[in-house]
């Protein structure tokens, strides 16, 4: 009695499935899922920008660590990824009276910036530190355009250096 081609094909599939080393398959899938989870969590390709609309913001301090009587500079990079020019109101404010902006002689400063479509701008502002104590001093950054707000915060590490 001859087997039909369908039953032969069915048996060959069964043999093929039996020969698969399932522990290897599941192990490989597990490793791939762990790698994907790590990339999503740590995201080595992150641009460092904040914001979700047309305006993205990135900020940093140079130097980040300073003496109790020193100066630093805050850099704010604004990126307009939209199709039209936008007017941005940039507001920088210190959380402490010991950290001021010489430009305004106060703990806050505002700047109006016009950014073209697809354009990036880096705005720099000097910071004057006249602290009584070492510690972490916060600077809040807020960029507003068309009623939308993008925020960031930088922390200046103030250390008392002994001569």
N, C-alpha and C. Protein backbone atom coordinates (compact mmCIF):
# COMPACT_ATOMS: atom_id res chain seq x y z
N UNK A 1 0.83 -1.16 0.00
CA UNK A 1 0.00 0.00 0.00
C UNK A 1 0.89 1.25 0.00
N UNK A 2 0.62 2.09 -0.93
CA UNK A 2 1.41 3.30 -1.12
C UNK A 2 0.77 4.48 -0.38
N UNK A 3 1.63 5.27 0.28
CA UNK A 3 1.12 6.42 1.01
C UNK A 3 0.86 7.56 0.05
N UNK A 4 -0.15 8.36 0.35
CA UNK A 4 -0.46 9.50 -0.50
C UNK A 4 0.60 10.59 -0.28
N UNK A 5 0.71 11.47 -1.24
CA UNK A 5 1.71 12.54 -1.15
C UNK A 5 1.43 13.47 0.02
N UNK A 6 0.15 13.63 0.36
CA UNK A 6 -0.20 14.48 1.50
C UNK A 6 0.28 13.88 2.80
N UNK A 7 0.13 12.59 2.98
CA UNK A 7 0.56 11.97 4.24
C UNK A 7 2.08 11.94 4.34
N UNK A 8 2.77 11.78 3.20
CA UNK A 8 4.24 11.82 3.20
C UNK A 8 4.72 13.21 3.58
N UNK A 9 4.04 14.20 3.01
CA UNK A 9 4.40 15.59 3.32
C UNK A 9 4.16 15.90 4.79
N UNK A 10 3.07 15.39 5.35
CA UNK A 10 2.74 15.60 6.75
C UNK A 10 3.79 14.95 7.65
N UNK A 11 4.22 13.75 7.29
CA UNK A 11 5.24 13.06 8.08
C UNK A 11 6.58 13.79 8.01
N UNK A 12 6.91 14.33 6.84
CA UNK A 12 8.19 15.04 6.73
C UNK A 12 8.17 16.31 7.59
N UNK A 13 7.04 16.98 7.68
CA UNK A 13 6.92 18.14 8.56
C UNK A 13 7.08 17.73 10.02
N UNK A 14 6.47 16.63 10.39
CA UNK A 14 6.57 16.14 11.76
C UNK A 14 8.02 15.83 12.11
N UNK A 15 8.75 15.19 11.18
CA UNK A 15 10.15 14.87 11.41
C UNK A 15 10.98 16.16 11.54
N UNK A 16 10.68 17.12 10.70
CA UNK A 16 11.43 18.38 10.74
C UNK A 16 11.21 19.09 12.07
N UNK A 17 9.99 19.11 12.56
CA UNK A 17 9.68 19.76 13.83
C UNK A 17 10.35 19.02 14.98
N UNK A 18 10.41 17.71 14.92
CA UNK A 18 11.05 16.92 15.98
C UNK A 18 12.55 17.18 16.02
N UNK A 19 13.15 17.48 14.89
CA UNK A 19 14.59 17.69 14.84
C UNK A 19 15.02 19.07 15.33
N UNK A 20 14.06 19.99 15.47
CA UNK A 20 14.40 21.34 15.94
C UNK A 20 14.81 21.27 17.40
N UNK A 21 15.89 21.97 17.71
CA UNK A 21 16.37 22.05 19.10
C UNK A 21 15.71 23.27 19.73
N UNK A 22 14.57 23.02 20.38
CA UNK A 22 13.75 24.11 20.89
C UNK A 22 14.46 24.92 21.97
N UNK A 23 15.32 24.28 22.74
CA UNK A 23 16.03 25.05 23.77
C UNK A 23 16.91 26.13 23.13
N UNK A 24 17.47 25.85 21.99
CA UNK A 24 18.28 26.84 21.27
C UNK A 24 17.40 27.95 20.72
N UNK A 25 16.25 27.60 20.16
CA UNK A 25 15.33 28.59 19.59
C UNK A 25 14.85 29.55 20.68
N UNK A 26 14.36 28.98 21.81
CA UNK A 26 13.86 29.83 22.88
C UNK A 26 14.98 30.64 23.53
N UNK A 27 16.16 30.08 23.64
CA UNK A 27 17.30 30.80 24.18
C UNK A 27 17.67 31.98 23.31
N UNK A 28 17.67 31.79 22.01
CA UNK A 28 17.98 32.86 21.06
C UNK A 28 16.93 33.97 21.13
N UNK A 29 15.67 33.59 21.19
CA UNK A 29 14.58 34.58 21.29
C UNK A 29 14.74 35.38 22.58
N UNK A 30 15.07 34.71 23.68
CA UNK A 30 15.26 35.39 24.96
C UNK A 30 16.40 36.40 24.88
N UNK A 31 17.52 36.01 24.30
CA UNK A 31 18.68 36.91 24.18
C UNK A 31 18.32 38.13 23.33
N UNK A 32 17.61 37.93 22.23
CA UNK A 32 17.22 39.04 21.36
C UNK A 32 16.29 39.99 22.11
N UNK A 33 15.34 39.46 22.88
CA UNK A 33 14.42 40.31 23.66
C UNK A 33 15.17 41.11 24.73
N UNK A 34 16.16 40.50 25.36
CA UNK A 34 16.95 41.22 26.37
C UNK A 34 17.73 42.36 25.72
N UNK A 35 18.31 42.11 24.56
CA UNK A 35 19.05 43.16 23.84
C UNK A 35 18.12 44.30 23.44
N UNK A 36 16.95 43.99 22.94
CA UNK A 36 15.98 45.02 22.54
C UNK A 36 15.56 45.84 23.76
N UNK A 37 15.30 45.17 24.89
CA UNK A 37 14.90 45.89 26.10
C UNK A 37 16.02 46.81 26.58
N UNK A 38 17.28 46.35 26.50
CA UNK A 38 18.41 47.18 26.92
C UNK A 38 18.56 48.41 26.03
N UNK A 39 18.40 48.26 24.73
CA UNK A 39 18.52 49.39 23.80
C UNK A 39 17.40 50.39 24.05
N UNK A 40 16.19 49.89 24.29
CA UNK A 40 15.07 50.80 24.56
C UNK A 40 15.30 51.55 25.87
N UNK A 41 15.78 50.84 26.88
CA UNK A 41 15.96 51.46 28.19
C UNK A 41 17.13 52.45 28.23
N UNK A 42 18.28 52.07 27.70
CA UNK A 42 19.47 52.91 27.78
C UNK A 42 19.65 53.81 26.56
N UNK A 43 19.03 53.52 25.46
CA UNK A 43 19.03 54.28 24.21
C UNK A 43 20.36 54.99 23.93
N UNK A 44 21.34 54.27 23.40
CA UNK A 44 22.63 54.89 23.10
C UNK A 44 22.56 55.89 21.94
N UNK A 45 21.43 55.91 21.24
CA UNK A 45 21.29 56.80 20.08
C UNK A 45 20.51 58.06 20.43
N UNK A 46 20.25 58.28 21.72
CA UNK A 46 19.48 59.44 22.16
C UNK A 46 20.21 60.73 21.79
N UNK A 47 19.44 61.71 21.33
CA UNK A 47 20.03 62.97 20.90
C UNK A 47 20.25 63.93 22.07
N UNK A 48 19.60 63.67 23.19
CA UNK A 48 19.71 64.57 24.33
C UNK A 48 18.74 65.73 24.28
N UNK A 49 17.93 65.82 23.23
CA UNK A 49 16.96 66.90 23.10
C UNK A 49 15.72 66.60 23.93
N UNK A 50 15.08 67.68 24.40
CA UNK A 50 13.79 67.57 25.09
C UNK A 50 12.77 68.31 24.25
N UNK A 51 11.53 67.86 24.32
CA UNK A 51 10.45 68.49 23.56
C UNK A 51 9.89 67.53 22.54
N UNK A 52 8.62 67.74 22.18
CA UNK A 52 7.97 66.82 21.26
C UNK A 52 7.39 67.50 20.02
N UNK A 53 7.20 68.79 20.08
CA UNK A 53 6.61 69.51 18.95
C UNK A 53 7.67 69.94 17.94
N UNK A 54 7.49 71.14 17.42
CA UNK A 54 8.44 71.68 16.45
C UNK A 54 9.74 72.14 17.12
N UNK A 55 9.68 72.46 18.41
CA UNK A 55 10.86 72.99 19.10
C UNK A 55 11.48 71.93 20.01
N UNK A 56 12.78 71.70 19.81
CA UNK A 56 13.53 70.80 20.68
C UNK A 56 14.60 71.62 21.40
N UNK A 57 14.94 71.21 22.61
CA UNK A 57 15.86 71.96 23.45
C UNK A 57 16.89 71.01 24.06
N UNK A 58 18.13 71.45 24.07
CA UNK A 58 19.21 70.71 24.73
C UNK A 58 20.04 71.75 25.48
N UNK A 59 20.46 71.43 26.72
CA UNK A 59 21.24 72.41 27.48
C UNK A 59 22.38 71.73 28.21
N UNK A 60 23.41 72.54 28.51
CA UNK A 60 24.56 72.06 29.28
C UNK A 60 25.29 73.25 29.88
N UNK A 61 26.11 72.94 30.88
CA UNK A 61 26.91 73.96 31.57
C UNK A 61 28.39 73.71 31.32
N UNK A 62 29.17 74.79 31.16
CA UNK A 62 30.63 74.68 31.05
C UNK A 62 31.25 75.78 31.88
N UNK A 63 32.00 75.55 32.86
CA UNK A 63 32.18 74.25 33.50
C UNK A 63 30.98 73.92 34.38
N UNK A 64 30.77 72.65 34.65
CA UNK A 64 29.68 72.19 35.50
C UNK A 64 30.07 72.31 36.98
N UNK A 65 31.36 72.07 37.27
CA UNK A 65 31.86 72.18 38.64
C UNK A 65 32.64 73.47 38.78
N UNK A 66 32.26 74.27 39.78
CA UNK A 66 32.89 75.58 39.97
C UNK A 66 33.19 75.82 41.45
N UNK A 67 33.99 76.86 41.72
CA UNK A 67 34.30 77.29 43.07
C UNK A 67 33.12 78.11 43.61
N UNK A 68 33.12 78.39 44.92
CA UNK A 68 32.00 79.15 45.51
C UNK A 68 31.95 80.61 45.02
N UNK A 69 33.06 81.12 44.50
CA UNK A 69 33.08 82.46 43.90
C UNK A 69 33.69 82.29 42.51
N UNK A 70 32.82 82.06 41.53
CA UNK A 70 33.31 81.70 40.20
C UNK A 70 32.27 82.08 39.15
N UNK A 71 32.59 81.76 37.90
CA UNK A 71 31.64 81.96 36.80
C UNK A 71 31.52 80.67 36.01
N UNK A 72 30.41 80.56 35.29
CA UNK A 72 30.17 79.44 34.39
C UNK A 72 29.36 79.97 33.23
N UNK A 73 29.11 79.13 32.26
CA UNK A 73 28.29 79.50 31.11
C UNK A 73 27.26 78.41 30.87
N UNK A 74 26.02 78.83 30.65
CA UNK A 74 24.99 77.88 30.29
C UNK A 74 24.76 77.98 28.79
N UNK A 75 24.69 76.83 28.15
CA UNK A 75 24.45 76.74 26.71
C UNK A 75 23.08 76.12 26.50
N UNK A 76 22.26 76.77 25.69
CA UNK A 76 20.94 76.24 25.35
C UNK A 76 20.87 76.14 23.84
N UNK A 77 20.73 74.91 23.35
CA UNK A 77 20.59 74.69 21.91
C UNK A 77 19.11 74.52 21.60
N UNK A 78 18.60 75.36 20.72
CA UNK A 78 17.21 75.30 20.28
C UNK A 78 17.18 74.83 18.83
N UNK A 79 16.31 73.87 18.54
CA UNK A 79 16.21 73.31 17.20
C UNK A 79 14.75 73.37 16.75
N UNK A 80 14.51 74.11 15.67
CA UNK A 80 13.18 74.20 15.09
C UNK A 80 13.08 73.14 13.99
N UNK A 81 12.37 72.07 14.27
CA UNK A 81 12.24 71.03 13.25
C UNK A 81 10.95 71.17 12.45
N UNK A 82 10.30 72.33 12.59
CA UNK A 82 9.07 72.60 11.85
C UNK A 82 9.36 73.18 10.48
N UNK A 83 8.28 73.58 9.79
CA UNK A 83 8.37 74.12 8.43
C UNK A 83 8.33 75.64 8.38
N UNK A 84 8.09 76.28 9.53
CA UNK A 84 7.96 77.73 9.55
C UNK A 84 8.87 78.34 10.62
N UNK A 85 9.15 79.64 10.46
CA UNK A 85 9.93 80.35 11.48
C UNK A 85 9.09 80.42 12.75
N UNK A 86 9.78 80.36 13.90
CA UNK A 86 9.07 80.51 15.17
C UNK A 86 9.80 81.52 16.04
N UNK A 87 9.03 82.21 16.87
CA UNK A 87 9.58 83.13 17.86
C UNK A 87 9.57 82.42 19.20
N UNK A 88 10.74 82.30 19.80
CA UNK A 88 10.88 81.58 21.06
C UNK A 88 11.23 82.57 22.16
N UNK A 89 10.54 82.45 23.29
CA UNK A 89 10.88 83.23 24.48
C UNK A 89 11.62 82.28 25.40
N UNK A 90 12.91 82.55 25.61
CA UNK A 90 13.75 81.71 26.46
C UNK A 90 13.88 82.37 27.82
N UNK A 91 13.52 81.61 28.86
CA UNK A 91 13.56 82.13 30.23
C UNK A 91 14.49 81.23 31.05
N UNK A 92 15.55 81.82 31.59
CA UNK A 92 16.48 81.10 32.46
C UNK A 92 16.32 81.67 33.86
N UNK A 93 16.21 80.78 34.85
CA UNK A 93 16.09 81.28 36.22
C UNK A 93 16.84 80.38 37.19
N UNK A 94 17.50 81.02 38.13
CA UNK A 94 18.25 80.33 39.16
C UNK A 94 17.31 80.03 40.32
N UNK A 95 17.54 78.91 40.98
CA UNK A 95 16.74 78.54 42.14
C UNK A 95 17.29 79.15 43.43
N UNK A 96 18.44 79.82 43.34
CA UNK A 96 19.10 80.38 44.52
C UNK A 96 19.54 81.81 44.26
N UNK A 97 19.54 82.61 45.30
CA UNK A 97 19.98 84.00 45.18
C UNK A 97 21.48 84.10 44.94
N UNK A 98 22.23 83.05 45.26
CA UNK A 98 23.69 83.06 45.11
C UNK A 98 24.14 82.87 43.66
N UNK A 99 23.22 82.48 42.82
CA UNK A 99 23.54 82.26 41.40
C UNK A 99 22.75 83.28 40.58
N UNK A 100 23.48 84.19 39.90
CA UNK A 100 22.82 85.25 39.15
C UNK A 100 23.36 85.31 37.72
N UNK A 101 22.64 86.08 36.92
CA UNK A 101 23.03 86.31 35.52
C UNK A 101 23.49 87.75 35.40
N UNK A 102 24.78 88.00 35.11
CA UNK A 102 25.29 89.38 35.01
C UNK A 102 24.55 90.21 33.96
N UNK A 103 24.05 89.54 32.95
CA UNK A 103 23.32 90.20 31.86
C UNK A 103 22.12 90.99 32.36
N UNK A 104 21.44 90.45 33.40
CA UNK A 104 20.25 91.10 33.93
C UNK A 104 20.43 91.56 35.38
N UNK A 105 21.56 91.20 35.97
CA UNK A 105 21.84 91.52 37.38
C UNK A 105 20.78 90.94 38.33
N UNK A 106 20.23 89.80 37.96
CA UNK A 106 19.23 89.16 38.81
C UNK A 106 19.31 87.64 38.67
N UNK A 107 18.36 86.95 39.30
CA UNK A 107 18.37 85.48 39.26
C UNK A 107 17.64 84.92 38.04
N UNK A 108 17.21 85.79 37.16
CA UNK A 108 16.58 85.31 35.92
C UNK A 108 16.92 86.22 34.75
N UNK A 109 16.79 85.65 33.58
CA UNK A 109 17.04 86.41 32.35
C UNK A 109 16.12 85.86 31.27
N UNK A 110 15.64 86.77 30.40
CA UNK A 110 14.77 86.38 29.29
C UNK A 110 15.37 86.85 27.99
N UNK A 111 15.20 85.99 26.96
CA UNK A 111 15.68 86.35 25.63
C UNK A 111 14.62 85.94 24.61
N UNK A 112 14.46 86.77 23.59
CA UNK A 112 13.56 86.44 22.49
C UNK A 112 14.40 86.05 21.29
N UNK A 113 14.11 84.89 20.74
CA UNK A 113 14.91 84.37 19.64
C UNK A 113 13.99 83.97 18.50
N UNK A 114 14.36 84.34 17.30
CA UNK A 114 13.62 83.92 16.09
C UNK A 114 14.45 82.83 15.42
N UNK A 115 13.81 81.68 15.19
CA UNK A 115 14.51 80.53 14.61
C UNK A 115 13.81 80.10 13.33
N UNK A 116 14.57 80.00 12.27
CA UNK A 116 14.02 79.59 10.99
C UNK A 116 13.72 78.10 10.95
N UNK A 117 12.97 77.69 9.95
CA UNK A 117 12.60 76.28 9.78
C UNK A 117 13.86 75.43 9.61
N UNK A 118 13.95 74.35 10.37
CA UNK A 118 15.09 73.44 10.29
C UNK A 118 16.38 74.00 10.84
N UNK A 119 16.32 75.12 11.53
CA UNK A 119 17.52 75.80 12.01
C UNK A 119 17.80 75.45 13.48
N UNK A 120 19.10 75.44 13.83
CA UNK A 120 19.54 75.26 15.21
C UNK A 120 20.23 76.53 15.67
N UNK A 121 20.00 76.90 16.93
CA UNK A 121 20.67 78.05 17.51
C UNK A 121 21.21 77.66 18.88
N UNK A 122 22.42 78.09 19.17
CA UNK A 122 22.98 77.89 20.50
C UNK A 122 23.07 79.27 21.17
N UNK A 123 22.37 79.39 22.29
CA UNK A 123 22.34 80.63 23.05
C UNK A 123 23.22 80.43 24.28
N UNK A 124 24.16 81.35 24.51
CA UNK A 124 25.04 81.25 25.67
C UNK A 124 24.75 82.40 26.62
N UNK A 125 24.82 82.09 27.91
CA UNK A 125 24.59 83.09 28.93
C UNK A 125 25.55 82.84 30.08
N UNK A 126 26.23 83.90 30.50
CA UNK A 126 27.15 83.81 31.64
C UNK A 126 26.37 83.69 32.94
N UNK A 127 26.97 82.96 33.89
CA UNK A 127 26.40 82.78 35.22
C UNK A 127 27.45 83.20 36.24
N UNK A 128 27.04 83.95 37.23
CA UNK A 128 27.93 84.40 38.30
C UNK A 128 27.56 83.66 39.58
N UNK A 129 28.54 83.00 40.19
CA UNK A 129 28.31 82.25 41.42
C UNK A 129 28.97 82.99 42.57
N UNK A 130 28.19 83.28 43.59
CA UNK A 130 28.68 83.94 44.79
C UNK A 130 28.05 83.20 45.98
N UNK A 131 28.39 81.92 46.09
CA UNK A 131 27.74 81.05 47.06
C UNK A 131 28.41 81.10 48.42
N UNK A 132 27.62 80.87 49.45
CA UNK A 132 28.15 80.78 50.81
C UNK A 132 28.60 79.36 51.13
N UNK A 133 27.94 78.41 50.48
CA UNK A 133 28.21 77.00 50.76
C UNK A 133 28.36 76.20 49.48
N UNK A 134 29.11 75.12 49.59
CA UNK A 134 29.21 74.19 48.47
C UNK A 134 27.89 73.44 48.35
N UNK A 135 27.61 72.97 47.16
CA UNK A 135 26.37 72.21 46.95
C UNK A 135 25.93 72.24 45.51
N UNK A 136 24.74 71.78 45.27
CA UNK A 136 24.17 71.72 43.93
C UNK A 136 23.17 72.86 43.77
N UNK A 137 23.35 73.68 42.75
CA UNK A 137 22.51 74.85 42.52
C UNK A 137 21.79 74.69 41.18
N UNK A 138 20.45 74.72 41.21
CA UNK A 138 19.66 74.46 40.02
C UNK A 138 19.39 75.69 39.18
N UNK A 139 19.36 75.48 37.87
CA UNK A 139 19.00 76.52 36.91
C UNK A 139 17.91 75.94 36.02
N UNK A 140 16.75 76.60 36.03
CA UNK A 140 15.61 76.15 35.22
C UNK A 140 15.62 76.85 33.87
N UNK A 141 15.34 76.07 32.83
CA UNK A 141 15.30 76.58 31.46
C UNK A 141 13.89 76.35 30.93
N UNK A 142 13.30 77.40 30.38
CA UNK A 142 11.95 77.27 29.83
C UNK A 142 11.90 78.00 28.49
N UNK A 143 11.55 77.29 27.44
CA UNK A 143 11.40 77.89 26.12
C UNK A 143 9.92 77.82 25.75
N UNK A 144 9.35 78.97 25.39
CA UNK A 144 7.93 79.06 25.06
C UNK A 144 7.76 79.56 23.63
N UNK A 145 6.87 78.91 22.89
CA UNK A 145 6.53 79.37 21.54
C UNK A 145 5.10 78.93 21.23
N UNK A 146 4.32 79.80 20.65
CA UNK A 146 2.93 79.50 20.27
C UNK A 146 2.15 78.81 21.39
N UNK A 147 2.36 79.21 22.62
CA UNK A 147 1.64 78.62 23.75
C UNK A 147 2.17 77.27 24.21
N UNK A 148 3.21 76.76 23.55
CA UNK A 148 3.79 75.47 23.94
C UNK A 148 5.06 75.74 24.74
N UNK A 149 5.35 74.85 25.71
CA UNK A 149 6.48 75.04 26.61
C UNK A 149 7.38 73.81 26.58
N UNK A 150 8.70 74.05 26.51
CA UNK A 150 9.70 73.00 26.64
C UNK A 150 10.58 73.39 27.82
N UNK A 151 10.75 72.45 28.77
CA UNK A 151 11.51 72.75 29.99
C UNK A 151 12.70 71.82 30.15
N UNK A 152 13.69 72.33 30.85
CA UNK A 152 14.86 71.54 31.21
C UNK A 152 15.45 72.15 32.48
N UNK A 153 16.31 71.41 33.14
CA UNK A 153 16.99 71.90 34.34
C UNK A 153 18.44 71.45 34.30
N UNK A 154 19.33 72.34 34.70
CA UNK A 154 20.74 72.02 34.84
C UNK A 154 21.15 72.28 36.28
N UNK A 155 22.12 71.50 36.76
CA UNK A 155 22.61 71.68 38.12
C UNK A 155 24.10 72.00 38.11
N UNK A 156 24.42 73.10 38.74
CA UNK A 156 25.79 73.57 38.88
C UNK A 156 26.34 73.00 40.18
N UNK A 157 27.46 72.30 40.09
CA UNK A 157 28.08 71.72 41.29
C UNK A 157 29.12 72.71 41.82
N UNK A 158 28.80 73.29 42.96
CA UNK A 158 29.67 74.29 43.58
C UNK A 158 30.48 73.62 44.67
N UNK A 159 31.81 73.75 44.55
CA UNK A 159 32.73 73.12 45.50
C UNK A 159 33.58 74.20 46.13
N UNK A 160 33.90 74.02 47.38
CA UNK A 160 34.79 74.96 48.06
C UNK A 160 36.21 74.44 47.88
N UNK A 161 36.97 75.16 47.09
CA UNK A 161 38.36 74.76 46.82
C UNK A 161 39.28 75.46 47.81
N UNK A 162 40.17 74.71 48.39
CA UNK A 162 41.10 75.29 49.35
C UNK A 162 42.43 75.57 48.66
N UNK A 163 42.92 76.76 48.87
CA UNK A 163 44.18 77.16 48.22
C UNK A 163 45.38 76.58 48.93
